[in-house]
């Protein structure tokens, strides 16, 4: 049996700057040039004021852990060899939140024992079958 295909992102004109930047080792988010609201994922108008004046801004790489779940059964067959694995909600230092993973954890310890709310994190871009994916490492507290 061949391994399941890694799920690929749907890249369009709106999200292309995000994925291109990840491929070059940078994480970008959008910020409204009118009201200053910042967000992810990409949108064509500001979720704060609904204005169209939007710019892409590089993230510093710092973040904190907001929430997480540990999967002991793979939701997608492409991840069967990774269980148990975590899926985390991460808040960038600049405010936007994204769904990601905390990586670099000790496989000999329970995942939940290594994570806690508001835990400082640092960006660690991973490459999965030709796709750059934002992931996060635990940062010193």
N, C-alpha and C. Protein backbone atom coordinates (compact mmCIF):
# COMPACT_ATOMS: atom_id res chain seq x y z
N UNK A 1 0.85 -1.18 0.00
CA UNK A 1 0.00 0.00 0.00
C UNK A 1 0.89 1.24 0.00
N UNK A 2 0.62 2.18 -0.89
CA UNK A 2 1.41 3.41 -0.94
C UNK A 2 0.95 4.38 0.13
N UNK A 3 1.89 5.21 0.62
CA UNK A 3 1.50 6.16 1.67
C UNK A 3 0.51 7.19 1.14
N UNK A 4 -0.33 7.66 2.05
CA UNK A 4 -1.33 8.67 1.67
C UNK A 4 -0.64 9.98 1.29
N UNK A 5 -1.23 10.68 0.36
CA UNK A 5 -0.66 11.95 -0.10
C UNK A 5 -0.81 13.02 0.98
N UNK A 6 0.26 13.78 1.15
CA UNK A 6 0.24 14.89 2.09
C UNK A 6 -0.75 15.94 1.57
N UNK A 7 -1.67 16.43 2.43
CA UNK A 7 -2.64 17.43 1.96
C UNK A 7 -1.94 18.74 1.60
N UNK A 8 -2.24 19.24 0.45
CA UNK A 8 -1.59 20.46 -0.04
C UNK A 8 -2.54 21.66 0.15
N UNK A 9 -1.97 22.82 0.43
CA UNK A 9 -2.82 24.01 0.59
C UNK A 9 -3.42 24.45 -0.74
N UNK A 10 -4.58 25.08 -0.66
CA UNK A 10 -5.18 25.71 -1.83
C UNK A 10 -4.60 27.11 -1.93
N UNK A 11 -3.69 27.29 -2.86
CA UNK A 11 -3.02 28.59 -3.01
C UNK A 11 -3.69 29.33 -4.15
N UNK A 12 -4.15 30.55 -3.84
CA UNK A 12 -4.77 31.40 -4.85
C UNK A 12 -4.08 32.76 -4.82
N UNK A 13 -4.57 33.70 -5.60
CA UNK A 13 -3.95 35.03 -5.66
C UNK A 13 -3.92 35.71 -4.29
N UNK A 14 -4.95 35.47 -3.49
CA UNK A 14 -5.04 36.11 -2.18
C UNK A 14 -4.03 35.54 -1.19
N UNK A 15 -3.87 34.23 -1.18
CA UNK A 15 -2.98 33.59 -0.20
C UNK A 15 -1.55 33.40 -0.69
N UNK A 16 -1.29 33.61 -1.96
CA UNK A 16 0.04 33.37 -2.52
C UNK A 16 1.17 34.09 -1.78
N UNK A 17 1.03 35.37 -1.39
CA UNK A 17 2.13 36.02 -0.66
C UNK A 17 2.49 35.30 0.64
N UNK A 18 1.50 34.76 1.34
CA UNK A 18 1.72 34.02 2.58
C UNK A 18 2.58 32.79 2.31
N UNK A 19 2.18 31.96 1.32
CA UNK A 19 2.88 30.72 1.03
C UNK A 19 4.25 30.98 0.42
N UNK A 20 4.38 32.01 -0.40
CA UNK A 20 5.68 32.33 -0.99
C UNK A 20 6.66 32.77 0.09
N UNK A 21 6.20 33.57 1.04
CA UNK A 21 7.07 34.02 2.13
C UNK A 21 7.51 32.84 3.00
N UNK A 22 6.59 31.91 3.30
CA UNK A 22 6.97 30.73 4.08
C UNK A 22 8.06 29.95 3.37
N UNK A 23 7.94 29.83 2.06
CA UNK A 23 8.95 29.12 1.28
C UNK A 23 10.32 29.78 1.36
N UNK A 24 10.34 31.08 1.65
CA UNK A 24 11.60 31.82 1.78
C UNK A 24 12.03 31.96 3.24
N UNK A 25 11.28 31.32 4.17
CA UNK A 25 11.67 31.33 5.57
C UNK A 25 11.08 32.43 6.42
N UNK A 26 9.98 33.06 5.94
CA UNK A 26 9.35 34.15 6.68
C UNK A 26 7.85 33.89 6.81
N UNK A 27 7.29 34.33 7.92
CA UNK A 27 5.84 34.24 8.13
C UNK A 27 5.27 35.64 7.99
N UNK A 28 4.29 35.79 7.11
CA UNK A 28 3.60 37.07 6.91
C UNK A 28 2.17 36.97 7.43
N UNK A 29 1.65 38.11 7.85
CA UNK A 29 0.23 38.22 8.18
C UNK A 29 -0.26 39.52 7.56
N UNK A 30 -1.58 39.69 7.51
CA UNK A 30 -2.14 40.90 6.93
C UNK A 30 -2.48 41.91 8.03
N UNK A 31 -2.33 43.20 7.68
CA UNK A 31 -2.69 44.29 8.58
C UNK A 31 -3.43 45.34 7.77
N UNK A 32 -4.50 45.87 8.37
CA UNK A 32 -5.28 46.93 7.73
C UNK A 32 -4.49 48.24 7.81
N UNK A 33 -4.36 48.90 6.69
CA UNK A 33 -3.63 50.17 6.64
C UNK A 33 -4.48 51.32 7.17
N UNK A 34 -5.79 51.08 7.36
CA UNK A 34 -6.68 52.12 7.87
C UNK A 34 -6.85 52.04 9.39
N UNK A 35 -7.20 50.85 9.91
CA UNK A 35 -7.51 50.75 11.35
C UNK A 35 -6.46 49.99 12.16
N UNK A 36 -5.52 49.31 11.48
CA UNK A 36 -4.45 48.61 12.19
C UNK A 36 -4.75 47.19 12.61
N UNK A 37 -5.95 46.68 12.36
CA UNK A 37 -6.29 45.30 12.71
C UNK A 37 -5.34 44.35 11.97
N UNK A 38 -4.92 43.28 12.67
CA UNK A 38 -4.04 42.27 12.07
C UNK A 38 -4.73 40.92 12.11
N UNK A 39 -4.50 40.07 11.07
CA UNK A 39 -5.19 38.79 11.01
C UNK A 39 -4.50 37.76 10.12
N UNK A 40 -4.91 36.54 10.32
CA UNK A 40 -4.66 35.38 9.48
C UNK A 40 -5.92 34.54 9.53
N UNK A 41 -6.27 33.79 8.51
CA UNK A 41 -5.67 33.69 7.18
C UNK A 41 -6.01 34.90 6.32
N UNK A 42 -5.49 34.89 5.09
CA UNK A 42 -5.65 36.02 4.18
C UNK A 42 -7.12 36.28 3.86
N UNK A 43 -7.43 37.57 3.79
CA UNK A 43 -8.78 38.03 3.41
C UNK A 43 -8.63 39.20 2.46
N UNK A 44 -9.69 39.48 1.71
CA UNK A 44 -9.65 40.59 0.75
C UNK A 44 -10.07 41.91 1.36
N UNK A 45 -10.61 41.86 2.60
CA UNK A 45 -10.96 43.10 3.29
C UNK A 45 -10.72 42.93 4.79
N UNK A 46 -10.57 44.02 5.47
CA UNK A 46 -10.29 44.01 6.90
C UNK A 46 -11.49 43.46 7.69
N UNK A 47 -11.25 42.50 8.60
CA UNK A 47 -12.35 42.01 9.42
C UNK A 47 -12.78 43.01 10.49
N UNK A 48 -11.97 44.06 10.72
CA UNK A 48 -12.32 45.07 11.72
C UNK A 48 -13.19 46.18 11.16
N UNK A 49 -12.73 46.82 10.08
CA UNK A 49 -13.46 47.96 9.52
C UNK A 49 -14.04 47.68 8.13
N UNK A 50 -13.77 46.47 7.60
CA UNK A 50 -14.23 46.05 6.28
C UNK A 50 -13.59 46.85 5.15
N UNK A 51 -12.52 47.57 5.45
CA UNK A 51 -11.83 48.35 4.43
C UNK A 51 -10.97 47.49 3.52
N UNK A 52 -10.66 47.99 2.33
CA UNK A 52 -9.87 47.22 1.36
C UNK A 52 -8.37 47.50 1.41
N UNK A 53 -7.93 48.46 2.25
CA UNK A 53 -6.52 48.85 2.28
C UNK A 53 -5.73 47.90 3.19
N UNK A 54 -5.11 46.90 2.56
CA UNK A 54 -4.47 45.83 3.30
C UNK A 54 -3.01 45.72 2.90
N UNK A 55 -2.15 45.45 3.88
CA UNK A 55 -0.73 45.22 3.61
C UNK A 55 -0.27 43.93 4.25
N UNK A 56 0.78 43.33 3.70
CA UNK A 56 1.40 42.15 4.28
C UNK A 56 2.56 42.60 5.16
N UNK A 57 2.64 42.02 6.35
CA UNK A 57 3.65 42.41 7.35
C UNK A 57 4.39 41.16 7.82
N UNK A 58 5.73 41.22 7.95
CA UNK A 58 6.45 40.06 8.47
C UNK A 58 6.26 39.91 9.98
N UNK A 59 6.03 38.68 10.41
CA UNK A 59 5.91 38.39 11.84
C UNK A 59 7.30 38.29 12.45
N UNK A 60 7.41 38.59 13.73
CA UNK A 60 8.69 38.53 14.43
C UNK A 60 9.15 37.10 14.67
N UNK A 61 8.21 36.17 14.69
CA UNK A 61 8.53 34.77 14.98
C UNK A 61 8.16 34.36 16.39
N UNK A 62 7.85 35.33 17.25
CA UNK A 62 7.43 35.03 18.61
C UNK A 62 5.94 34.76 18.67
N UNK A 63 5.54 33.89 19.60
CA UNK A 63 4.13 33.54 19.74
C UNK A 63 3.90 32.95 21.13
N UNK A 64 2.62 32.67 21.42
CA UNK A 64 2.29 31.96 22.65
C UNK A 64 1.21 30.93 22.33
N UNK A 65 1.18 29.90 23.15
CA UNK A 65 0.25 28.80 22.98
C UNK A 65 -1.09 29.17 23.61
N UNK A 66 -2.16 29.10 22.81
CA UNK A 66 -3.50 29.46 23.27
C UNK A 66 -4.30 28.22 23.65
N UNK A 67 -4.19 27.19 22.82
CA UNK A 67 -4.94 25.95 23.05
C UNK A 67 -4.30 24.85 22.23
N UNK A 68 -4.59 23.59 22.57
CA UNK A 68 -4.10 22.47 21.79
C UNK A 68 -4.93 21.24 22.06
N UNK A 69 -4.82 20.29 21.15
CA UNK A 69 -5.43 18.98 21.30
C UNK A 69 -4.38 17.97 20.83
N UNK A 70 -4.39 16.79 21.42
CA UNK A 70 -3.48 15.72 21.03
C UNK A 70 -4.28 14.63 20.34
N UNK A 71 -3.90 14.33 19.11
CA UNK A 71 -4.55 13.27 18.35
C UNK A 71 -3.82 11.95 18.57
N UNK A 72 -4.58 10.92 18.94
CA UNK A 72 -4.03 9.58 19.11
C UNK A 72 -4.48 8.67 17.96
N UNK A 73 -5.31 9.23 17.10
CA UNK A 73 -5.75 8.56 15.90
C UNK A 73 -5.70 9.60 14.78
N UNK A 74 -5.10 9.25 13.67
CA UNK A 74 -4.90 10.21 12.59
C UNK A 74 -6.23 10.57 11.93
N UNK A 75 -6.48 11.86 11.81
CA UNK A 75 -7.66 12.36 11.11
C UNK A 75 -7.51 12.12 9.61
N UNK A 76 -6.26 12.25 9.12
CA UNK A 76 -5.94 12.06 7.71
C UNK A 76 -4.92 10.93 7.62
N UNK A 77 -5.08 9.98 6.70
CA UNK A 77 -4.14 8.87 6.61
C UNK A 77 -2.67 9.30 6.40
N UNK A 78 -2.45 10.49 5.87
CA UNK A 78 -1.08 10.98 5.66
C UNK A 78 -0.35 11.19 6.99
N UNK A 79 -1.09 11.26 8.10
CA UNK A 79 -0.48 11.52 9.40
C UNK A 79 -0.46 10.29 10.32
N UNK A 80 -0.80 9.13 9.79
CA UNK A 80 -0.86 7.93 10.63
C UNK A 80 0.46 7.61 11.32
N UNK A 81 1.58 7.89 10.66
CA UNK A 81 2.88 7.58 11.27
C UNK A 81 3.33 8.63 12.29
N UNK A 82 2.51 9.63 12.53
CA UNK A 82 2.88 10.71 13.46
C UNK A 82 2.16 10.65 14.80
N UNK A 83 1.16 9.79 14.93
CA UNK A 83 0.40 9.76 16.18
C UNK A 83 1.28 9.27 17.32
N UNK A 84 1.12 9.82 18.52
CA UNK A 84 0.28 10.99 18.80
C UNK A 84 0.95 12.28 18.32
N UNK A 85 0.13 13.24 17.90
CA UNK A 85 0.63 14.54 17.49
C UNK A 85 -0.34 15.61 17.97
N UNK A 86 0.16 16.84 18.05
CA UNK A 86 -0.68 17.94 18.54
C UNK A 86 -1.08 18.86 17.41
N UNK A 87 -2.23 19.47 17.60
CA UNK A 87 -2.70 20.57 16.75
C UNK A 87 -2.97 21.71 17.71
N UNK A 88 -2.32 22.85 17.45
CA UNK A 88 -2.34 23.95 18.41
C UNK A 88 -2.88 25.24 17.80
N UNK A 89 -3.53 26.04 18.64
CA UNK A 89 -3.87 27.41 18.29
C UNK A 89 -2.77 28.27 18.89
N UNK A 90 -2.12 29.03 18.02
CA UNK A 90 -0.97 29.84 18.39
C UNK A 90 -1.30 31.31 18.12
N UNK A 91 -0.96 32.18 19.06
CA UNK A 91 -1.16 33.62 18.86
C UNK A 91 0.19 34.27 18.65
N UNK A 92 0.38 34.87 17.49
CA UNK A 92 1.62 35.59 17.21
C UNK A 92 1.76 36.78 18.15
N UNK A 93 2.98 37.19 18.40
CA UNK A 93 3.21 38.38 19.25
C UNK A 93 2.47 39.59 18.71
N UNK A 94 2.24 39.62 17.41
CA UNK A 94 1.57 40.75 16.77
C UNK A 94 0.05 40.65 16.84
N UNK A 95 -0.48 39.53 17.34
CA UNK A 95 -1.92 39.40 17.54
C UNK A 95 -2.64 38.34 16.73
N UNK A 96 -2.33 38.14 15.44
CA UNK A 96 -3.07 37.12 14.70
C UNK A 96 -2.88 35.72 15.27
N UNK A 97 -3.90 34.90 15.10
CA UNK A 97 -3.84 33.51 15.55
C UNK A 97 -3.86 32.59 14.33
N UNK A 98 -3.22 31.44 14.48
CA UNK A 98 -3.26 30.43 13.44
C UNK A 98 -3.22 29.05 14.06
N UNK A 99 -3.67 28.08 13.29
CA UNK A 99 -3.63 26.69 13.72
C UNK A 99 -2.33 26.10 13.20
N UNK A 100 -1.60 25.43 14.08
CA UNK A 100 -0.28 24.94 13.75
C UNK A 100 0.03 23.71 14.59
N UNK A 101 1.31 23.44 14.78
CA UNK A 101 1.78 22.36 15.65
C UNK A 101 2.94 22.88 16.48
N UNK A 102 3.09 22.33 17.69
CA UNK A 102 4.29 22.57 18.48
C UNK A 102 5.18 21.35 18.23
N UNK A 103 6.37 21.60 17.72
CA UNK A 103 7.29 20.53 17.34
C UNK A 103 8.52 20.53 18.25
N UNK A 104 9.34 19.53 18.10
CA UNK A 104 10.55 19.43 18.89
C UNK A 104 10.32 18.96 20.31
N UNK A 105 9.18 18.31 20.55
CA UNK A 105 8.88 17.82 21.89
C UNK A 105 9.60 16.49 22.14
N UNK A 106 9.82 16.17 23.41
CA UNK A 106 10.48 14.94 23.80
C UNK A 106 9.53 13.77 23.57
N UNK A 107 9.85 12.84 22.66
CA UNK A 107 8.93 11.72 22.39
C UNK A 107 8.79 10.75 23.57
N UNK A 108 9.68 10.85 24.55
CA UNK A 108 9.61 9.97 25.71
C UNK A 108 8.64 10.48 26.78
N UNK A 109 8.19 11.74 26.63
CA UNK A 109 7.27 12.33 27.60
C UNK A 109 5.90 12.53 26.97
N UNK A 110 4.88 12.54 27.81
CA UNK A 110 3.53 12.86 27.34
C UNK A 110 3.54 14.26 26.73
N UNK A 111 2.84 14.42 25.62
CA UNK A 111 2.79 15.72 24.96
C UNK A 111 2.20 16.78 25.89
N UNK A 112 1.08 16.47 26.54
CA UNK A 112 0.41 17.46 27.38
C UNK A 112 1.26 17.88 28.57
N UNK A 113 2.17 17.04 29.01
CA UNK A 113 3.05 17.40 30.12
C UNK A 113 4.09 18.43 29.70
N UNK A 114 4.26 18.61 28.40
CA UNK A 114 5.28 19.53 27.88
C UNK A 114 4.69 20.86 27.40
N UNK A 115 3.38 20.98 27.46
CA UNK A 115 2.70 22.19 26.97
C UNK A 115 1.87 22.82 28.07
N UNK A 116 1.76 24.15 28.03
CA UNK A 116 0.88 24.84 28.96
C UNK A 116 0.38 26.14 28.33
N UNK A 117 -0.75 26.64 28.81
CA UNK A 117 -1.33 27.87 28.29
C UNK A 117 -0.36 29.03 28.40
N UNK A 118 -0.36 29.86 27.40
CA UNK A 118 0.48 31.05 27.31
C UNK A 118 1.97 30.73 27.23
N UNK A 119 2.30 29.49 26.94
CA UNK A 119 3.70 29.09 26.80
C UNK A 119 4.35 29.84 25.64
N UNK A 120 5.52 30.44 25.85
CA UNK A 120 6.21 31.14 24.76
C UNK A 120 6.67 30.15 23.69
N UNK A 121 6.52 30.57 22.45
CA UNK A 121 6.90 29.75 21.30
C UNK A 121 7.71 30.56 20.31
N UNK A 122 8.44 29.87 19.45
CA UNK A 122 9.21 30.50 18.37
C UNK A 122 8.90 29.79 17.07
N UNK A 123 8.79 30.55 16.02
CA UNK A 123 8.51 30.01 14.69
C UNK A 123 9.61 29.05 14.25
N UNK A 124 9.20 27.93 13.65
CA UNK A 124 10.13 26.95 13.08
C UNK A 124 9.46 26.42 11.81
N UNK A 125 9.81 26.99 10.68
CA UNK A 125 9.17 26.59 9.43
C UNK A 125 9.68 25.21 9.03
N UNK A 126 8.75 24.31 8.76
CA UNK A 126 9.08 22.95 8.33
C UNK A 126 8.72 22.78 6.86
N UNK A 127 9.40 21.89 6.21
CA UNK A 127 9.10 21.60 4.80
C UNK A 127 8.56 20.19 4.70
N UNK A 128 7.35 20.08 4.20
CA UNK A 128 6.64 18.80 4.07
C UNK A 128 6.33 18.56 2.60
N UNK A 129 7.02 17.64 2.00
CA UNK A 129 6.78 17.26 0.61
C UNK A 129 6.68 18.49 -0.30
N UNK A 130 7.64 19.39 -0.17
CA UNK A 130 7.71 20.56 -1.03
C UNK A 130 6.86 21.74 -0.60
N UNK A 131 6.21 21.65 0.56
CA UNK A 131 5.38 22.75 1.06
C UNK A 131 5.96 23.25 2.37
N UNK A 132 6.18 24.56 2.47
CA UNK A 132 6.65 25.16 3.72
C UNK A 132 5.45 25.36 4.64
N UNK A 133 5.57 24.88 5.88
CA UNK A 133 4.48 24.89 6.85
C UNK A 133 4.95 25.60 8.12
N UNK A 134 4.17 26.55 8.66
CA UNK A 134 4.58 27.16 9.93
C UNK A 134 4.34 26.20 11.09
N UNK A 135 5.37 25.98 11.87
CA UNK A 135 5.29 25.19 13.10
C UNK A 135 6.00 26.01 14.17
N UNK A 136 5.91 25.56 15.43
CA UNK A 136 6.49 26.34 16.52
C UNK A 136 7.23 25.43 17.50
N UNK A 137 8.32 25.96 18.03
CA UNK A 137 9.11 25.31 19.07
C UNK A 137 8.86 26.01 20.40
N UNK A 138 9.01 25.28 21.49
CA UNK A 138 8.93 25.93 22.79
C UNK A 138 10.11 26.88 22.94
N UNK A 139 9.83 28.08 23.44
CA UNK A 139 10.88 29.08 23.64
C UNK A 139 11.20 29.14 25.15
N UNK A 140 12.40 29.57 25.48
CA UNK A 140 12.72 29.72 26.90
C UNK A 140 11.75 30.70 27.57
N UNK A 141 11.41 30.37 28.82
CA UNK A 141 10.48 31.26 29.54
C UNK A 141 11.23 32.22 30.42
